[in-house]
Amino acid sequence: MPIESVLRHLSHVDSPDIRTLLRDIYGNQASILFRWHVDPDARVDRGILISGCQSNETAVDDDGKHRRPYGLFTDELCSTLRNLRGPMMSNAELVETIRDKLRNEHQHPCLYCSDRRADAPFLRVR
């Protein structure tokens, strides 16, 4: 028996339109990648994400010079903020500074946000 016949029998689907089937079964929450109607709030610039490394890299852990274990990115972030003199760095400047310090660790921190938020001061605190 052809697999198409088996699938049609098991799923009771007469249409090749899988999108409609998923919507009928799961509503608008069929998957994180599937939205029947796009949520207008999803396009609003609301956040900043700073990652310790790129998606194809592994974040390196500290070598144990501290009592508590944490990653090199966190160590460099804390060190950079502790030693900061002068005006607060922007989000982009902070990530670039840390990225430069980690250049030999095969780890490249990333900043994900709009240009407006990239130029904003980190946490807006001093």
C-alpha atoms as a PDB file:
ATOM      1  CA  MET A   1       0.000   0.000   0.000  1.00  0.00           C
ATOM      2  CA  PRO A   2       1.439   3.431  -0.869  1.00  0.00           C
ATOM      3  CA  ILE A   3       2.554   5.510   2.109  1.00  0.00           C
ATOM      4  CA  GLU A   4       0.340   8.377   0.944  1.00  0.00           C
ATOM      5  CA  SER A   5      -2.708   6.137   1.343  1.00  0.00           C
ATOM      6  CA  VAL A   6      -1.645   5.099   4.842  1.00  0.00           C
ATOM      7  CA  LEU A   7      -1.068   8.688   5.913  1.00  0.00           C
ATOM      8  CA  ARG A   8      -4.361   9.835   4.446  1.00  0.00           C
ATOM      9  CA  HIS A   9      -6.147   7.013   6.256  1.00  0.00           C
ATOM     10  CA  LEU A  10      -4.450   7.664   9.604  1.00  0.00           C
ATOM     11  CA  SER A  11      -4.766  11.421   9.518  1.00  0.00           C
ATOM     12  CA  HIS A  12      -8.081  11.703   7.699  1.00  0.00           C
ATOM     13  CA  VAL A  13      -6.495  14.399   5.573  1.00  0.00           C
ATOM     14  CA  ASP A  14      -7.813  14.791   2.079  1.00  0.00           C
ATOM     15  CA  SER A  15      -5.895  17.971   1.389  1.00  0.00           C
ATOM     16  CA  PRO A  16      -2.147  18.368   0.914  1.00  0.00           C
ATOM     17  CA  ASP A  17      -2.412  21.658   2.851  1.00  0.00           C
ATOM     18  CA  ILE A  18      -0.653  20.695   6.103  1.00  0.00           C
ATOM     19  CA  ARG A  19      -0.870  24.275   7.356  1.00  0.00           C
ATOM     20  CA  THR A  20      -4.662  24.103   7.549  1.00  0.00           C
ATOM     21  CA  LEU A  21      -4.518  20.705   9.248  1.00  0.00           C
ATOM     22  CA  LEU A  22      -2.080  21.946  11.899  1.00  0.00           C
ATOM     23  CA  ARG A  23      -4.218  25.013  12.546  1.00  0.00           C
ATOM     24  CA  ASP A  24      -7.351  22.894  12.880  1.00  0.00           C
ATOM     25  CA  ILE A  25      -5.659  20.589  15.391  1.00  0.00           C
ATOM     26  CA  TYR A  26      -3.471  22.976  17.411  1.00  0.00           C
ATOM     27  CA  GLY A  27      -4.951  26.389  16.747  1.00  0.00           C
ATOM     28  CA  ASN A  28      -2.531  29.274  16.331  1.00  0.00           C
ATOM     29  CA  GLN A  29       0.062  27.564  18.533  1.00  0.00           C
ATOM     30  CA  ALA A  30       1.012  24.696  16.202  1.00  0.00           C
ATOM     31  CA  SER A  31       4.711  25.458  16.709  1.00  0.00           C
ATOM     32  CA  ILE A  32       6.998  28.348  17.537  1.00  0.00           C
ATOM     33  CA  LEU A  33       7.696  28.741  13.815  1.00  0.00           C
ATOM     34  CA  PHE A  34       4.042  28.586  12.766  1.00  0.00           C
ATOM     35  CA  ARG A  35       1.651  31.448  13.243  1.00  0.00           C
ATOM     36  CA  TRP A  36      -1.589  31.669  11.293  1.00  0.00           C
ATOM     37  CA  HIS A  37      -1.719  35.407  11.948  1.00  0.00           C
ATOM     38  CA  VAL A  38       1.449  37.269  12.867  1.00  0.00           C
ATOM     39  CA  ASP A  39       1.393  38.791  16.336  1.00  0.00           C
ATOM     40  CA  PRO A  40       1.973  42.546  15.805  1.00  0.00           C
ATOM     41  CA  ASP A  41       3.675  42.808  19.219  1.00  0.00           C
ATOM     42  CA  ALA A  42       6.348  40.350  18.068  1.00  0.00           C
ATOM     43  CA  ARG A  43       7.774  43.014  15.781  1.00  0.00           C
ATOM     44  CA  VAL A  44       8.031  45.654  18.493  1.00  0.00           C
ATOM     45  CA  ASP A  45      11.584  46.480  19.565  1.00  0.00           C
ATOM     46  CA  ARG A  46      11.489  45.454  23.202  1.00  0.00           C
ATOM     47  CA  GLY A  47      14.647  43.607  24.039  1.00  0.00           C
ATOM     48  CA  ILE A  48      18.377  43.207  24.093  1.00  0.00           C
ATOM     49  CA  LEU A  49      20.131  39.854  24.063  1.00  0.00           C
ATOM     50  CA  ILE A  50      23.831  39.496  24.802  1.00  0.00           C
ATOM     51  CA  SER A  51      25.135  35.989  24.274  1.00  0.00           C
ATOM     52  CA  GLY A  52      28.431  34.604  25.540  1.00  0.00           C
ATOM     53  CA  CYS A  53      29.225  33.085  22.146  1.00  0.00           C
ATOM     54  CA  GLN A  54      27.904  32.569  18.643  1.00  0.00           C
ATOM     55  CA  SER A  55      25.391  29.788  18.000  1.00  0.00           C
ATOM     56  CA  ASN A  56      28.043  27.542  16.428  1.00  0.00           C
ATOM     57  CA  GLU A  57      30.466  27.965  19.368  1.00  0.00           C
ATOM     58  CA  THR A  58      30.676  26.728  22.937  1.00  0.00           C
ATOM     59  CA  ALA A  59      30.972  29.171  25.818  1.00  0.00           C
ATOM     60  CA  VAL A  60      34.217  28.510  27.685  1.00  0.00           C
ATOM     61  CA  ASP A  61      34.175  28.068  31.466  1.00  0.00           C
ATOM     62  CA  ASP A  62      36.588  29.914  33.717  1.00  0.00           C
ATOM     63  CA  ASP A  63      39.781  28.046  34.602  1.00  0.00           C
ATOM     64  CA  GLY A  64      39.088  28.032  38.346  1.00  0.00           C
ATOM     65  CA  LYS A  65      40.831  31.187  39.518  1.00  0.00           C
ATOM     66  CA  HIS A  66      37.615  32.123  41.348  1.00  0.00           C
ATOM     67  CA  ARG A  67      35.764  30.308  44.110  1.00  0.00           C
ATOM     68  CA  ARG A  68      32.559  30.087  42.090  1.00  0.00           C
ATOM     69  CA  PRO A  69      32.592  28.596  38.604  1.00  0.00           C
ATOM     70  CA  TYR A  70      31.220  30.650  35.756  1.00  0.00           C
ATOM     71  CA  GLY A  71      31.983  31.348  32.138  1.00  0.00           C
ATOM     72  CA  LEU A  72      34.732  33.496  30.693  1.00  0.00           C
ATOM     73  CA  PHE A  73      32.145  35.866  29.239  1.00  0.00           C
ATOM     74  CA  THR A  74      30.670  36.494  32.699  1.00  0.00           C
ATOM     75  CA  ASP A  75      34.158  36.967  34.157  1.00  0.00           C
ATOM     76  CA  GLU A  76      35.092  39.515  31.484  1.00  0.00           C
ATOM     77  CA  LEU A  77      31.736  41.287  31.798  1.00  0.00           C
ATOM     78  CA  CYS A  78      32.170  41.726  35.570  1.00  0.00           C
ATOM     79  CA  SER A  79      35.817  42.746  35.181  1.00  0.00           C
ATOM     80  CA  THR A  80      35.005  45.300  32.482  1.00  0.00           C
ATOM     81  CA  LEU A  81      32.213  46.861  34.541  1.00  0.00           C
ATOM     82  CA  ARG A  82      34.352  46.930  37.711  1.00  0.00           C
ATOM     83  CA  ASN A  83      37.213  48.699  35.922  1.00  0.00           C
ATOM     84  CA  LEU A  84      35.061  51.131  33.958  1.00  0.00           C
ATOM     85  CA  ARG A  85      36.173  54.746  34.241  1.00  0.00           C
ATOM     86  CA  GLY A  86      34.306  57.616  32.680  1.00  0.00           C
ATOM     87  CA  PRO A  87      30.894  57.486  31.031  1.00  0.00           C
ATOM     88  CA  MET A  88      28.936  54.264  30.802  1.00  0.00           C
ATOM     89  CA  MET A  89      29.609  52.125  27.727  1.00  0.00           C
ATOM     90  CA  SER A  90      26.924  51.427  25.180  1.00  0.00           C
ATOM     91  CA  ASN A  91      25.697  47.863  24.739  1.00  0.00           C
ATOM     92  CA  ALA A  92      27.680  47.606  21.490  1.00  0.00           C
ATOM     93  CA  GLU A  93      30.877  49.016  23.042  1.00  0.00           C
ATOM     94  CA  LEU A  94      30.608  46.616  25.962  1.00  0.00           C
ATOM     95  CA  VAL A  95      30.178  43.556  23.736  1.00  0.00           C
ATOM     96  CA  GLU A  96      33.037  44.674  21.447  1.00  0.00           C
ATOM     97  CA  THR A  97      35.326  45.197  24.466  1.00  0.00           C
ATOM     98  CA  ILE A  98      34.561  41.741  25.840  1.00  0.00           C
ATOM     99  CA  ARG A  99      34.844  40.172  22.390  1.00  0.00           C
ATOM    100  CA  ASP A 100      38.313  41.713  22.023  1.00  0.00           C
ATOM    101  CA  LYS A 101      39.391  40.297  25.402  1.00  0.00           C
ATOM    102  CA  LEU A 102      38.146  36.812  24.438  1.00  0.00           C
ATOM    103  CA  ARG A 103      39.648  36.821  20.928  1.00  0.00           C
ATOM    104  CA  ASN A 104      42.100  33.998  21.790  1.00  0.00           C
ATOM    105  CA  GLU A 105      39.409  31.803  23.376  1.00  0.00           C
ATOM    106  CA  HIS A 106      37.550  30.964  20.124  1.00  0.00           C
ATOM    107  CA  GLN A 107      34.456  32.552  21.639  1.00  0.00           C
ATOM    108  CA  HIS A 108      32.713  35.556  20.116  1.00  0.00           C
ATOM    109  CA  PRO A 109      30.045  37.269  22.250  1.00  0.00           C
ATOM    110  CA  CYS A 110      27.123  38.678  20.271  1.00  0.00           C
ATOM    111  CA  LEU A 111      24.643  41.502  20.677  1.00  0.00           C
ATOM    112  CA  TYR A 112      21.129  41.036  19.294  1.00  0.00           C
ATOM    113  CA  CYS A 113      18.987  44.181  19.264  1.00  0.00           C
ATOM    114  CA  SER A 114      18.014  47.203  17.203  1.00  0.00           C
ATOM    115  CA  ASP A 115      20.592  49.869  16.352  1.00  0.00           C
ATOM    116  CA  ARG A 116      18.862  52.209  18.780  1.00  0.00           C
ATOM    117  CA  ARG A 117      19.296  49.771  21.646  1.00  0.00           C
ATOM    118  CA  ALA A 118      22.867  48.922  20.595  1.00  0.00           C
ATOM    119  CA  ASP A 119      23.826  52.571  21.104  1.00  0.00           C
ATOM    120  CA  ALA A 120      22.026  52.843  24.466  1.00  0.00           C
ATOM    121  CA  PRO A 121      24.073  52.691  27.691  1.00  0.00           C
ATOM    122  CA  PHE A 122      24.414  49.212  29.197  1.00  0.00           C
ATOM    123  CA  LEU A 123      21.643  48.859  31.823  1.00  0.00           C
ATOM    124  CA  ARG A 124      21.464  52.665  32.033  1.00  0.00           C
ATOM    125  CA  VAL A 125      23.106  52.547  35.445  1.00  0.00           C
ATOM    126  CA  ARG A 126      26.395  53.736  36.780  1.00  0.00           C
END
